[in-house]
C-alpha atoms as a PDB file:
ATOM      1  CA  MET A   1       0.005  -0.005   0.001  1.00  0.00           C
ATOM      2  CA  ASP A   2       1.093   3.558  -0.643  1.00  0.00           C
ATOM      3  CA  THR A   3       0.955   6.189   2.095  1.00  0.00           C
ATOM      4  CA  SER A   4      -2.561   7.294   1.184  1.00  0.00           C
ATOM      5  CA  SER A   5      -3.885   3.720   1.223  1.00  0.00           C
ATOM      6  CA  LYS A   6      -2.187   3.026   4.568  1.00  0.00           C
ATOM      7  CA  ALA A   7      -3.805   6.116   6.066  1.00  0.00           C
ATOM      8  CA  THR A   8      -7.243   5.078   4.835  1.00  0.00           C
ATOM      9  CA  GLU A   9      -6.713   1.587   6.219  1.00  0.00           C
ATOM     10  CA  LEU A  10      -5.605   2.899   9.620  1.00  0.00           C
ATOM     11  CA  LEU A  11      -8.718   5.075   9.790  1.00  0.00           C
ATOM     12  CA  ARG A  12     -10.882   2.074   8.830  1.00  0.00           C
ATOM     13  CA  LEU A  13      -9.314   0.026  11.621  1.00  0.00           C
ATOM     14  CA  HIS A  14     -10.230   2.741  14.130  1.00  0.00           C
ATOM     15  CA  GLN A  15     -13.809   2.744  12.889  1.00  0.00           C
ATOM     16  CA  ALA A  16     -14.233  -1.052  12.790  1.00  0.00           C
ATOM     17  CA  PRO A  17     -16.373  -2.737  15.464  1.00  0.00           C
ATOM     18  CA  GLU A  18     -13.383  -4.764  16.673  1.00  0.00           C
ATOM     19  CA  VAL A  19     -11.059  -3.040  19.094  1.00  0.00           C
ATOM     20  CA  LEU A  20      -7.691  -2.193  17.467  1.00  0.00           C
ATOM     21  CA  GLN A  21      -4.727  -3.406  19.506  1.00  0.00           C
ATOM     22  CA  LEU A  22      -1.456  -1.628  18.753  1.00  0.00           C
ATOM     23  CA  VAL A  23       1.673  -3.125  20.268  1.00  0.00           C
ATOM     24  CA  ASN A  24       4.167  -0.275  20.556  1.00  0.00           C
ATOM     25  CA  VAL A  25       7.575  -0.603  18.914  1.00  0.00           C
ATOM     26  CA  TRP A  26      10.722   1.490  19.003  1.00  0.00           C
ATOM     27  CA  ASP A  27      13.026   0.409  16.176  1.00  0.00           C
ATOM     28  CA  SER A  28      13.152  -1.526  12.929  1.00  0.00           C
ATOM     29  CA  ILE A  29      13.643  -4.982  14.429  1.00  0.00           C
ATOM     30  CA  THR A  30      10.810  -4.656  16.956  1.00  0.00           C
ATOM     31  CA  ALA A  31       8.608  -3.379  14.123  1.00  0.00           C
ATOM     32  CA  LYS A  32       9.440  -6.437  12.001  1.00  0.00           C
ATOM     33  CA  VAL A  33       8.850  -8.882  14.871  1.00  0.00           C
ATOM     34  CA  ILE A  34       5.442  -7.438  15.779  1.00  0.00           C
ATOM     35  CA  ALA A  35       4.375  -6.919  12.181  1.00  0.00           C
ATOM     36  CA  ASP A  36       5.034 -10.593  11.404  1.00  0.00           C
ATOM     37  CA  LEU A  37       2.764 -11.841  14.197  1.00  0.00           C
ATOM     38  CA  PRO A  38      -0.658 -13.232  13.173  1.00  0.00           C
ATOM     39  CA  GLY A  39      -3.358 -10.680  13.880  1.00  0.00           C
ATOM     40  CA  THR A  40      -1.170  -7.580  13.703  1.00  0.00           C
ATOM     41  CA  LYS A  41      -3.010  -5.027  11.558  1.00  0.00           C
ATOM     42  CA  ALA A  42      -1.007  -1.880  12.254  1.00  0.00           C
ATOM     43  CA  LEU A  43       1.838  -0.605  14.412  1.00  0.00           C
ATOM     44  CA  ALA A  44       2.327   2.244  16.824  1.00  0.00           C
ATOM     45  CA  THR A  45       5.585   3.704  18.065  1.00  0.00           C
ATOM     46  CA  ALA A  46       6.299   4.653  21.693  1.00  0.00           C
ATOM     47  CA  SER A  47       8.114   7.975  22.049  1.00  0.00           C
ATOM     48  CA  HIS A  48       9.350   7.063  25.539  1.00  0.00           C
ATOM     49  CA  SER A  49      10.844   3.832  24.215  1.00  0.00           C
ATOM     50  CA  ILE A  50      12.486   5.477  21.206  1.00  0.00           C
ATOM     51  CA  ALA A  51      13.973   8.210  23.372  1.00  0.00           C
ATOM     52  CA  ALA A  52      15.266   5.686  25.931  1.00  0.00           C
ATOM     53  CA  SER A  53      16.832   3.529  23.210  1.00  0.00           C
ATOM     54  CA  LEU A  54      18.758   6.571  21.963  1.00  0.00           C
ATOM     55  CA  GLY A  55      19.832   7.827  25.382  1.00  0.00           C
ATOM     56  CA  TYR A  56      17.250  10.576  25.942  1.00  0.00           C
ATOM     57  CA  GLU A  57      14.711  11.161  28.714  1.00  0.00           C
ATOM     58  CA  ASP A  58      11.037  11.147  27.814  1.00  0.00           C
ATOM     59  CA  GLY A  59       9.304  14.490  27.380  1.00  0.00           C
ATOM     60  CA  GLU A  60      10.576  16.014  24.100  1.00  0.00           C
ATOM     61  CA  HIS A  61      14.237  15.900  25.112  1.00  0.00           C
ATOM     62  CA  ILE A  62      15.058  13.990  21.946  1.00  0.00           C
ATOM     63  CA  PRO A  63      15.739  16.279  18.945  1.00  0.00           C
ATOM     64  CA  VAL A  64      12.718  16.312  16.649  1.00  0.00           C
ATOM     65  CA  GLN A  65      14.666  15.271  13.557  1.00  0.00           C
ATOM     66  CA  LEU A  66      16.058  12.282  15.430  1.00  0.00           C
ATOM     67  CA  MET A  67      12.514  11.231  16.326  1.00  0.00           C
ATOM     68  CA  ILE A  68      11.374  11.692  12.724  1.00  0.00           C
ATOM     69  CA  ASP A  69      14.307   9.597  11.500  1.00  0.00           C
ATOM     70  CA  ALA A  70      13.463   6.867  14.037  1.00  0.00           C
ATOM     71  CA  VAL A  71       9.763   6.633  13.118  1.00  0.00           C
ATOM     72  CA  GLY A  72      10.668   6.752   9.440  1.00  0.00           C
ATOM     73  CA  ARG A  73      12.912   3.696   9.834  1.00  0.00           C
ATOM     74  CA  ILE A  74      10.026   1.905  11.565  1.00  0.00           C
ATOM     75  CA  ALA A  75       7.622   2.816   8.741  1.00  0.00           C
ATOM     76  CA  ALA A  76      10.157   1.556   6.206  1.00  0.00           C
ATOM     77  CA  ALA A  77      10.468  -1.780   8.021  1.00  0.00           C
ATOM     78  CA  THR A  78       6.852  -2.843   7.435  1.00  0.00           C
ATOM     79  CA  THR A  79       4.082  -2.720   4.869  1.00  0.00           C
ATOM     80  CA  LEU A  80       1.527  -2.068   7.622  1.00  0.00           C
ATOM     81  CA  PRO A  81       0.182   1.357   8.602  1.00  0.00           C
ATOM     82  CA  VAL A  82       2.231   3.021  11.341  1.00  0.00           C
ATOM     83  CA  SER A  83       1.015   5.589  13.872  1.00  0.00           C
ATOM     84  CA  ALA A  84       3.771   7.594  15.603  1.00  0.00           C
ATOM     85  CA  ASP A  85       3.826   9.000  19.110  1.00  0.00           C
ATOM     86  CA  LEU A  86       5.025  12.550  18.489  1.00  0.00           C
ATOM     87  CA  GLU A  87       4.613  13.811  22.080  1.00  0.00           C
ATOM     88  CA  ALA A  88       3.257  17.377  22.004  1.00  0.00           C
ATOM     89  CA  GLY A  89       4.578  18.081  18.495  1.00  0.00           C
ATOM     90  CA  TYR A  90       8.000  19.425  19.469  1.00  0.00           C
ATOM     91  CA  GLY A  91       6.892  23.061  19.428  1.00  0.00           C
ATOM     92  CA  ASN A  92       5.220  22.885  16.019  1.00  0.00           C
ATOM     93  CA  PRO A  93       2.683  20.068  15.679  1.00  0.00           C
ATOM     94  CA  GLY A  94       1.767  20.935  12.097  1.00  0.00           C
ATOM     95  CA  GLU A  95       5.318  20.921  10.792  1.00  0.00           C
ATOM     96  CA  THR A  96       6.189  17.797  12.768  1.00  0.00           C
ATOM     97  CA  ILE A  97       3.223  15.912  11.330  1.00  0.00           C
ATOM     98  CA  LYS A  98       4.132  17.066   7.822  1.00  0.00           C
ATOM     99  CA  LYS A  99       7.641  15.690   8.322  1.00  0.00           C
ATOM    100  CA  ALA A 100       6.266  12.420   9.728  1.00  0.00           C
ATOM    101  CA  ILE A 101       3.985  11.912   6.747  1.00  0.00           C
ATOM    102  CA  GLY A 102       6.999  12.522   4.539  1.00  0.00           C
ATOM    103  CA  VAL A 103       8.697   9.453   6.014  1.00  0.00           C
ATOM    104  CA  GLY A 104       5.631   7.216   5.749  1.00  0.00           C
ATOM    105  CA  ILE A 105       3.736   7.801   9.013  1.00  0.00           C
ATOM    106  CA  VAL A 106      -0.080   7.844   8.643  1.00  0.00           C
ATOM    107  CA  GLY A 107      -1.255   8.598  12.175  1.00  0.00           C
ATOM    108  CA  ALA A 108       0.063  10.279  15.308  1.00  0.00           C
ATOM    109  CA  ASN A 109      -0.463  10.873  18.991  1.00  0.00           C
ATOM    110  CA  ILE A 110      -0.278  14.510  19.999  1.00  0.00           C
ATOM    111  CA  GLU A 111      -0.610  15.209  23.722  1.00  0.00           C
ATOM    112  CA  ASP A 112      -2.194  18.288  25.289  1.00  0.00           C
ATOM    113  CA  GLN A 113      -0.084  18.259  28.482  1.00  0.00           C
ATOM    114  CA  MET A 114      -3.119  19.954  30.055  1.00  0.00           C
ATOM    115  CA  ARG A 115      -2.297  23.294  28.464  1.00  0.00           C
ATOM    116  CA  PRO A 116      -5.108  25.875  28.709  1.00  0.00           C
ATOM    117  CA  LEU A 117      -8.003  24.565  26.651  1.00  0.00           C
ATOM    118  CA  PRO A 118      -8.003  27.208  23.892  1.00  0.00           C
ATOM    119  CA  GLN A 119      -4.268  26.640  23.377  1.00  0.00           C
ATOM    120  CA  ALA A 120      -4.708  22.871  23.348  1.00  0.00           C
ATOM    121  CA  ILE A 121      -7.564  23.060  20.834  1.00  0.00           C
ATOM    122  CA  ALA A 122      -5.448  25.247  18.540  1.00  0.00           C
ATOM    123  CA  GLN A 123      -2.597  22.736  18.853  1.00  0.00           C
ATOM    124  CA  MET A 124      -4.852  19.816  17.864  1.00  0.00           C
ATOM    125  CA  LYS A 125      -6.400  21.779  15.012  1.00  0.00           C
ATOM    126  CA  GLN A 126      -2.943  22.565  13.661  1.00  0.00           C
ATOM    127  CA  ALA A 127      -2.074  18.858  13.789  1.00  0.00           C
ATOM    128  CA  ALA A 128      -5.309  17.745  12.127  1.00  0.00           C
ATOM    129  CA  ASP A 129      -5.090  20.439   9.445  1.00  0.00           C
ATOM    130  CA  ALA A 130      -1.516  19.409   8.617  1.00  0.00           C
ATOM    131  CA  GLY A 131      -2.639  15.848   7.990  1.00  0.00           C
ATOM    132  CA  ALA A 132      -5.566  16.969   5.840  1.00  0.00           C
ATOM    133  CA  ALA A 133      -3.308  19.287   3.845  1.00  0.00           C
ATOM    134  CA  GLU A 134      -1.232  16.305   2.754  1.00  0.00           C
ATOM    135  CA  GLY A 135      -4.345  14.844   1.117  1.00  0.00           C
ATOM    136  CA  ILE A 136      -4.555  11.641   3.163  1.00  0.00           C
ATOM    137  CA  ASP A 137      -6.885  10.247   5.858  1.00  0.00           C
ATOM    138  CA  PHE A 138      -4.328  11.039   8.567  1.00  0.00           C
ATOM    139  CA  VAL A 139      -5.409   9.582  11.930  1.00  0.00           C
ATOM    140  CA  LEU A 140      -4.858  12.124  14.711  1.00  0.00           C
ATOM    141  CA  ASN A 141      -5.053  10.409  18.086  1.00  0.00           C
ATOM    142  CA  ALA A 142      -5.418  13.441  20.337  1.00  0.00           C
ATOM    143  CA  ARG A 143      -4.178  12.721  23.838  1.00  0.00           C
ATOM    144  CA  THR A 144      -5.474  14.421  26.927  1.00  0.00           C
ATOM    145  CA  ASP A 145      -3.406  14.154  30.078  1.00  0.00           C
ATOM    146  CA  ALA A 146      -6.347  14.880  32.374  1.00  0.00           C
ATOM    147  CA  PHE A 147      -5.860  11.698  34.395  1.00  0.00           C
ATOM    148  CA  LEU A 148      -2.061  11.640  34.257  1.00  0.00           C
ATOM    149  CA  ARG A 149      -1.938  15.176  35.661  1.00  0.00           C
ATOM    150  CA  ALA A 150      -4.928  14.910  37.969  1.00  0.00           C
ATOM    151  CA  GLY A 151      -2.976  15.561  41.142  1.00  0.00           C
ATOM    152  CA  ASP A 152      -5.381  15.976  44.048  1.00  0.00           C
ATOM    153  CA  ARG A 153      -8.283  17.262  41.940  1.00  0.00           C
ATOM    154  CA  ASP A 154     -11.759  15.859  42.505  1.00  0.00           C
ATOM    155  CA  PRO A 155     -12.122  12.735  40.294  1.00  0.00           C
ATOM    156  CA  ARG A 156     -15.374  14.097  38.903  1.00  0.00           C
ATOM    157  CA  GLU A 157     -13.644  17.248  37.744  1.00  0.00           C
ATOM    158  CA  VAL A 158     -10.907  15.191  36.126  1.00  0.00           C
ATOM    159  CA  LEU A 159     -13.451  13.084  34.243  1.00  0.00           C
ATOM    160  CA  GLU A 160     -15.347  16.207  33.148  1.00  0.00           C
ATOM    161  CA  ALA A 161     -12.144  17.799  31.900  1.00  0.00           C
ATOM    162  CA  ALA A 162     -11.200  14.685  29.901  1.00  0.00           C
ATOM    163  CA  ILE A 163     -14.645  14.597  28.275  1.00  0.00           C
ATOM    164  CA  GLU A 164     -14.652  18.327  27.519  1.00  0.00           C
ATOM    165  CA  ARG A 165     -11.220  18.145  25.933  1.00  0.00           C
ATOM    166  CA  GLY A 166     -11.995  14.964  24.014  1.00  0.00           C
ATOM    167  CA  ARG A 167     -15.127  16.471  22.473  1.00  0.00           C
ATOM    168  CA  ALA A 168     -13.264  19.653  21.561  1.00  0.00           C
ATOM    169  CA  TYR A 169     -10.454  17.742  19.860  1.00  0.00           C
ATOM    170  CA  LEU A 170     -12.914  15.657  17.835  1.00  0.00           C
ATOM    171  CA  ASP A 171     -14.543  18.907  16.728  1.00  0.00           C
ATOM    172  CA  VAL A 172     -11.287  20.153  15.189  1.00  0.00           C
ATOM    173  CA  GLY A 173     -10.471  16.950  13.314  1.00  0.00           C
ATOM    174  CA  ALA A 174      -9.100  14.303  15.667  1.00  0.00           C
ATOM    175  CA  ALA A 175     -10.149  10.767  14.777  1.00  0.00           C
ATOM    176  CA  CYS A 176      -9.644   9.293  18.243  1.00  0.00           C
ATOM    177  CA  ILE A 177      -9.079  10.523  21.790  1.00  0.00           C
ATOM    178  CA  PHE A 178      -6.275   8.986  23.852  1.00  0.00           C
ATOM    179  CA  VAL A 179      -6.967   9.050  27.599  1.00  0.00           C
ATOM    180  CA  PRO A 180      -3.977   7.404  29.311  1.00  0.00           C
ATOM    181  CA  GLY A 181      -4.179   6.246  32.913  1.00  0.00           C
ATOM    182  CA  LYS A 182      -5.151   3.117  34.794  1.00  0.00           C
ATOM    183  CA  LEU A 183      -8.890   3.415  34.236  1.00  0.00           C
ATOM    184  CA  ASP A 184     -11.556   1.297  35.904  1.00  0.00           C
ATOM    185  CA  GLU A 185     -14.763   0.091  34.218  1.00  0.00           C
ATOM    186  CA  ALA A 186     -16.913   2.939  35.512  1.00  0.00           C
ATOM    187  CA  THR A 187     -14.454   5.538  34.228  1.00  0.00           C
ATOM    188  CA  VAL A 188     -14.122   3.931  30.786  1.00  0.00           C
ATOM    189  CA  THR A 189     -17.925   3.686  30.558  1.00  0.00           C
ATOM    190  CA  ALA A 190     -18.298   7.383  31.434  1.00  0.00           C
ATOM    191  CA  LEU A 191     -15.616   8.410  28.936  1.00  0.00           C
ATOM    192  CA  VAL A 192     -17.269   6.467  26.121  1.00  0.00           C
ATOM    193  CA  ALA A 193     -20.665   7.937  27.003  1.00  0.00           C
ATOM    194  CA  GLY A 194     -19.245  11.436  27.135  1.00  0.00           C
ATOM    195  CA  ILE A 195     -16.894  11.427  24.142  1.00  0.00           C
ATOM    196  CA  GLY A 196     -18.373   8.785  21.861  1.00  0.00           C
ATOM    197  CA  TRP A 197     -18.627   5.064  21.139  1.00  0.00           C
ATOM    198  CA  GLY A 198     -15.592   3.944  19.170  1.00  0.00           C
ATOM    199  CA  LYS A 199     -13.696   7.197  19.811  1.00  0.00           C
ATOM    200  CA  ILE A 200     -11.530   6.293  22.801  1.00  0.00           C
ATOM    201  CA  ASN A 201      -7.964   4.968  22.974  1.00  0.00           C
ATOM    202  CA  VAL A 202      -6.726   3.647  26.316  1.00  0.00           C
ATOM    203  CA  ILE A 203      -3.357   2.371  27.433  1.00  0.00           C
ATOM    204  CA  ASN A 204      -3.234  -1.047  29.059  1.00  0.00           C
ATOM    205  CA  VAL A 205      -0.886  -1.487  32.012  1.00  0.00           C
ATOM    206  CA  PRO A 206      -0.588  -4.328  34.482  1.00  0.00           C
ATOM    207  CA  GLY A 207      -4.004  -4.692  36.113  1.00  0.00           C
ATOM    208  CA  SER A 208      -5.959  -2.935  33.334  1.00  0.00           C
ATOM    209  CA  LEU A 209      -9.252  -4.166  31.948  1.00  0.00           C
ATOM    210  CA  SER A 210      -8.999  -6.942  29.356  1.00  0.00           C
ATOM    211  CA  PRO A 211      -9.175  -6.154  25.621  1.00  0.00           C
ATOM    212  CA  ALA A 212     -12.457  -8.088  25.408  1.00  0.00           C
ATOM    213  CA  LYS A 213     -14.013  -5.987  28.181  1.00  0.00           C
ATOM    214  CA  LEU A 214     -12.723  -2.749  26.638  1.00  0.00           C
ATOM    215  CA  GLN A 215     -14.250  -3.710  23.285  1.00  0.00           C
ATOM    216  CA  GLU A 216     -17.534  -4.446  25.039  1.00  0.00           C
ATOM    217  CA  LEU A 217     -17.426  -0.994  26.638  1.00  0.00           C
ATOM    218  CA  GLY A 218     -16.940   0.760  23.264  1.00  0.00           C
ATOM    219  CA  VAL A 219     -13.197   1.438  23.210  1.00  0.00           C
ATOM    220  CA  ALA A 220     -11.763   1.817  19.713  1.00  0.00           C
ATOM    221  CA  ARG A 221      -8.060   1.315  20.362  1.00  0.00           C
ATOM    222  CA  ILE A 222      -5.713  -0.154  22.947  1.00  0.00           C
ATOM    223  CA  SER A 223      -2.021   0.598  23.080  1.00  0.00           C
ATOM    224  CA  TYR A 224       0.737  -0.348  25.497  1.00  0.00           C
ATOM    225  CA  GLY A 225       3.153   2.585  25.487  1.00  0.00           C
ATOM    226  CA  PRO A 226       6.581   1.848  26.961  1.00  0.00           C
ATOM    227  CA  TRP A 227       5.371  -1.357  28.650  1.00  0.00           C
ATOM    228  CA  ILE A 228       6.439  -3.578  25.732  1.00  0.00           C
ATOM    229  CA  GLN A 229       9.963  -2.251  25.993  1.00  0.00           C
ATOM    230  CA  ARG A 230       9.863  -2.849  29.746  1.00  0.00           C
ATOM    231  CA  VAL A 231       8.804  -6.440  29.106  1.00  0.00           C
ATOM    232  CA  ALA A 232      11.742  -6.845  26.717  1.00  0.00           C
ATOM    233  CA  LEU A 233      14.207  -5.272  29.166  1.00  0.00           C
ATOM    234  CA  THR A 234      12.940  -7.545  31.947  1.00  0.00           C
ATOM    235  CA  ALA A 235      13.524 -10.571  29.710  1.00  0.00           C
ATOM    236  CA  ILE A 236      17.064  -9.343  28.914  1.00  0.00           C
ATOM    237  CA  ALA A 237      17.856  -8.795  32.578  1.00  0.00           C
ATOM    238  CA  ASP A 238      16.439 -12.212  33.549  1.00  0.00           C
ATOM    239  CA  ALA A 239      18.400 -13.984  30.815  1.00  0.00           C
ATOM    240  CA  ALA A 240      21.632 -12.204  31.714  1.00  0.00           C
ATOM    241  CA  THR A 241      21.145 -13.005  35.408  1.00  0.00           C
ATOM    242  CA  ALA A 242      20.619 -16.668  34.578  1.00  0.00           C
ATOM    243  CA  LEU A 243      23.757 -16.769  32.350  1.00  0.00           C
ATOM    244  CA  MET A 244      25.911 -15.198  35.031  1.00  0.00           C
ATOM    245  CA  ASN A 245      24.660 -17.845  37.446  1.00  0.00           C
ATOM    246  CA  ASN A 246      25.742 -20.785  35.301  1.00  0.00           C
ATOM    247  CA  GLY A 247      22.486 -20.871  33.346  1.00  0.00           C
ATOM    248  CA  ALA A 248      21.819 -21.286  29.657  1.00  0.00           C
ATOM    249  CA  LEU A 249      20.108 -19.299  26.937  1.00  0.00           C
ATOM    250  CA  PRO A 250      16.342 -19.885  26.871  1.00  0.00           C
ATOM    251  CA  GLU A 251      15.072 -22.605  24.558  1.00  0.00           C
ATOM    252  CA  GLY A 252      13.072 -21.290  21.626  1.00  0.00           C
ATOM    253  CA  THR A 253      14.956 -17.978  21.467  1.00  0.00           C
ATOM    254  CA  ARG A 254      13.764 -16.051  18.420  1.00  0.00           C
ATOM    255  CA  PRO A 255      16.286 -15.515  15.606  1.00  0.00           C
ATOM    256  CA  LEU A 256      16.811 -12.026  14.133  1.00  0.00           C
ATOM    257  CA  ASN A 257      14.855 -11.414  10.948  1.00  0.00           C
END
């Protein structure tokens, strides 16, 4: 598929009745491994994981061109649609999305970091407009950090803020609203009711609701953020510990592609 076809397919996957599971990758080899698994329909990058693999802290400390180069290598490693985590857009969401599309990316997370609502809406509109200007069905997954930055606020106010922001971002062109946090069933139900059936992306962490339950509740997309890299690093540490204690390499170790 060309870039336009990949974008249209990614949008279709978000609109399908089945929940879209995106296992986050951070380089070419992880992209190839996940893309080759039965059932994988698209890929998503994890900005935290990419930054960590290149020696940077999360939070837009990585130079934007280095991030674009990294997601471009991932897009080139697979024929599947790839959505990139582009943090808050590195100071210019529109230009960053234009660059990402130029290297084969057809969707992106842009986070609001709980900026004042008018500013956050303008930021999301700039991102959505940049995708539309490239003439493709670019999938903007607008992220609100309402729960991540809740602090000691009343939980009802946090929920209301997430819903208000989600609706506003849909109004300016976002295809999906990403609400990260460890969310219980009541919260997910309220978010879906307030923002829309098939419009919510959640992150699954240890102890989260199952994919089947999230699909039942009307969630469109599940991603895993840096947790896949943490699983890999745990496996590396466990294997190295075993080797240094007179152990052996695990049976069934996967060869490099």
